[in-house]
Protein backbone atom coordinates (compact mmCIF):
# COMPACT_ATOMS: atom_id res chain seq x y z
CA UNK A 1 -0.15 -0.05 -0.03
CA UNK A 2 1.51 3.32 -1.23
CA UNK A 3 -0.99 5.35 1.20
CA UNK A 4 -2.84 6.86 -1.55
CA UNK A 5 -6.11 6.46 -2.76
CA UNK A 6 -7.69 3.29 -4.50
CA UNK A 7 -10.60 2.53 -6.81
CA UNK A 8 -11.52 -0.57 -9.02
CA UNK A 9 -9.16 0.75 -11.81
CA UNK A 10 -6.20 0.82 -9.88
CA UNK A 11 -3.68 -1.90 -10.72
CA UNK A 12 -3.33 -4.60 -7.68
CA UNK A 13 -0.18 -5.98 -6.16
CA UNK A 14 1.50 -8.34 -9.08
CA UNK A 15 1.45 -12.08 -8.49
CA UNK A 16 4.58 -13.34 -6.87
CA UNK A 17 4.72 -10.60 -4.11
CA UNK A 18 2.97 -12.71 -1.31
CA UNK A 19 1.45 -15.98 -0.73
CA UNK A 20 -1.63 -14.85 0.45
CA UNK A 21 -2.16 -12.15 -2.01
CA UNK A 22 -1.81 -14.50 -4.90
CA UNK A 23 -4.18 -16.91 -3.71
CA UNK A 24 -6.86 -14.13 -3.49
CA UNK A 25 -6.29 -12.64 -7.10
CA UNK A 26 -5.91 -16.29 -8.58
CA UNK A 27 -9.50 -16.96 -6.71
CA UNK A 28 -10.85 -13.70 -8.26
CA UNK A 29 -9.68 -14.53 -11.58
CA UNK A 30 -11.48 -17.93 -11.24
CA UNK A 31 -14.75 -16.14 -10.08
CA UNK A 32 -14.52 -13.51 -12.58
CA UNK A 33 -14.15 -15.94 -15.51
CA UNK A 34 -16.98 -17.69 -14.22
CA UNK A 35 -19.19 -14.82 -14.37
CA UNK A 36 -19.35 -14.04 -10.59
CA UNK A 37 -18.68 -10.41 -9.02
CA UNK A 38 -15.70 -9.69 -6.46
CA UNK A 39 -16.39 -7.56 -3.33
CA UNK A 40 -12.86 -6.16 -1.90
CA UNK A 41 -13.84 -5.28 1.64
CA UNK A 42 -12.05 -2.38 3.32
CA UNK A 43 -11.21 -2.95 6.81
CA UNK A 44 -14.01 -4.45 8.65
CA UNK A 45 -14.91 -2.60 11.88
CA UNK A 46 -18.04 -2.59 14.52
CA UNK A 47 -17.91 -1.00 18.29
CA UNK A 48 -16.28 -4.27 19.85
CA UNK A 49 -13.84 -5.37 16.82
CA UNK A 50 -11.58 -3.57 14.64
CA UNK A 51 -8.31 -2.11 14.30
CA UNK A 52 -9.17 0.20 17.23
CA UNK A 53 -9.77 -2.43 19.48
CA UNK A 54 -6.21 -3.97 18.70
CA UNK A 55 -4.61 -0.40 19.12
CA UNK A 56 -6.56 -0.10 22.71
CA UNK A 57 -5.25 -3.57 23.77
CA UNK A 58 -1.52 -2.79 22.33
CA UNK A 59 -1.09 0.30 23.84
CA UNK A 60 1.79 1.90 21.93
CA UNK A 61 2.08 0.81 18.35
CA UNK A 62 4.87 1.32 16.19
CA UNK A 63 3.21 2.58 12.80
CA UNK A 64 2.64 5.81 10.96
CA UNK A 65 -0.08 7.78 12.71
CA UNK A 66 -0.74 9.66 9.53
CA UNK A 67 -1.31 6.20 7.55
CA UNK A 68 -4.78 6.38 5.82
CA UNK A 69 -7.35 3.84 6.61
CA UNK A 70 -10.09 2.68 4.60
CA UNK A 71 -12.96 1.14 6.47
CA UNK A 72 -16.26 -0.20 6.26
CA UNK A 73 -18.59 -1.15 9.03
CA UNK A 74 -19.96 -4.91 9.12
CA UNK A 75 -23.85 -4.13 8.49
CA UNK A 76 -22.63 -1.69 5.48
CA UNK A 77 -20.55 -4.30 4.01
CA UNK A 78 -23.39 -6.95 4.30
CA UNK A 79 -25.74 -4.40 2.86
CA UNK A 80 -23.31 -3.92 0.12
CA UNK A 81 -23.13 -7.70 -0.57
CA UNK A 82 -26.67 -8.11 -0.69
CA UNK A 83 -27.03 -5.19 -3.06
CA UNK A 84 -24.52 -6.57 -5.46
CA UNK A 85 -26.38 -9.96 -5.63
CA UNK A 86 -29.77 -8.59 -5.94
CA UNK A 87 -28.52 -6.55 -9.13
CA UNK A 88 -27.27 -9.59 -10.91
CA UNK A 89 -24.40 -8.14 -12.10
CA UNK A 90 -21.69 -10.43 -13.88
CA UNK A 91 -17.89 -10.12 -13.91
CA UNK A 92 -17.47 -7.26 -12.16
CA UNK A 93 -14.94 -6.15 -9.13
CA UNK A 94 -16.38 -3.87 -6.64
CA UNK A 95 -14.41 -2.11 -3.44
CA UNK A 96 -16.63 -1.67 -0.31
CA UNK A 97 -15.72 1.08 1.96
CA UNK A 98 -17.19 4.22 3.55
CA UNK A 99 -15.94 6.84 1.73
CA UNK A 100 -14.52 8.25 4.46
CA UNK A 101 -10.82 7.73 4.99
CA UNK A 102 -9.23 8.40 8.07
CA UNK A 103 -5.29 8.61 9.51
CA UNK A 104 -4.76 6.03 12.36
CA UNK A 105 -4.55 9.26 14.67
CA UNK A 106 -8.27 10.27 13.27
CA UNK A 107 -9.75 6.92 14.11
CA UNK A 108 -7.91 6.86 17.79
CA UNK A 109 -9.11 10.52 18.53
CA UNK A 110 -12.44 9.30 17.53
CA UNK A 111 -12.21 6.25 19.84
CA UNK A 112 -11.21 8.49 22.66
CA UNK A 113 -13.99 11.18 22.23
CA UNK A 114 -16.65 8.49 22.15
CA UNK A 115 -15.93 7.79 25.80
CA UNK A 116 -17.15 4.04 25.30
CA UNK A 117 -13.37 2.61 25.48
CA UNK A 118 -12.48 4.49 28.57
């Protein structure tokens, strides 16, 4: 990740860079060739689960606070999945995110302001 924006037309990581990514990309290829759709979800979260919980438990995290995160709530991801299925689209790639990218620091500021994790 280059910390830039992403969309459905942006190139993916080349095959051979990571065994995990290779499996996903090869699976996507099979799905698309069979007429199915691929839904690539951003980081999933809800109140009790997500990167914010990991960071809260960890305390100090060695990572750039200004790194941008694209996220999507579990319920929004489910709703998006159902919508794609109902439209009966074929051989398409979709990205699922909430269209409100935040930095790690912004996420944790919101968590702290919420008062739910004190």
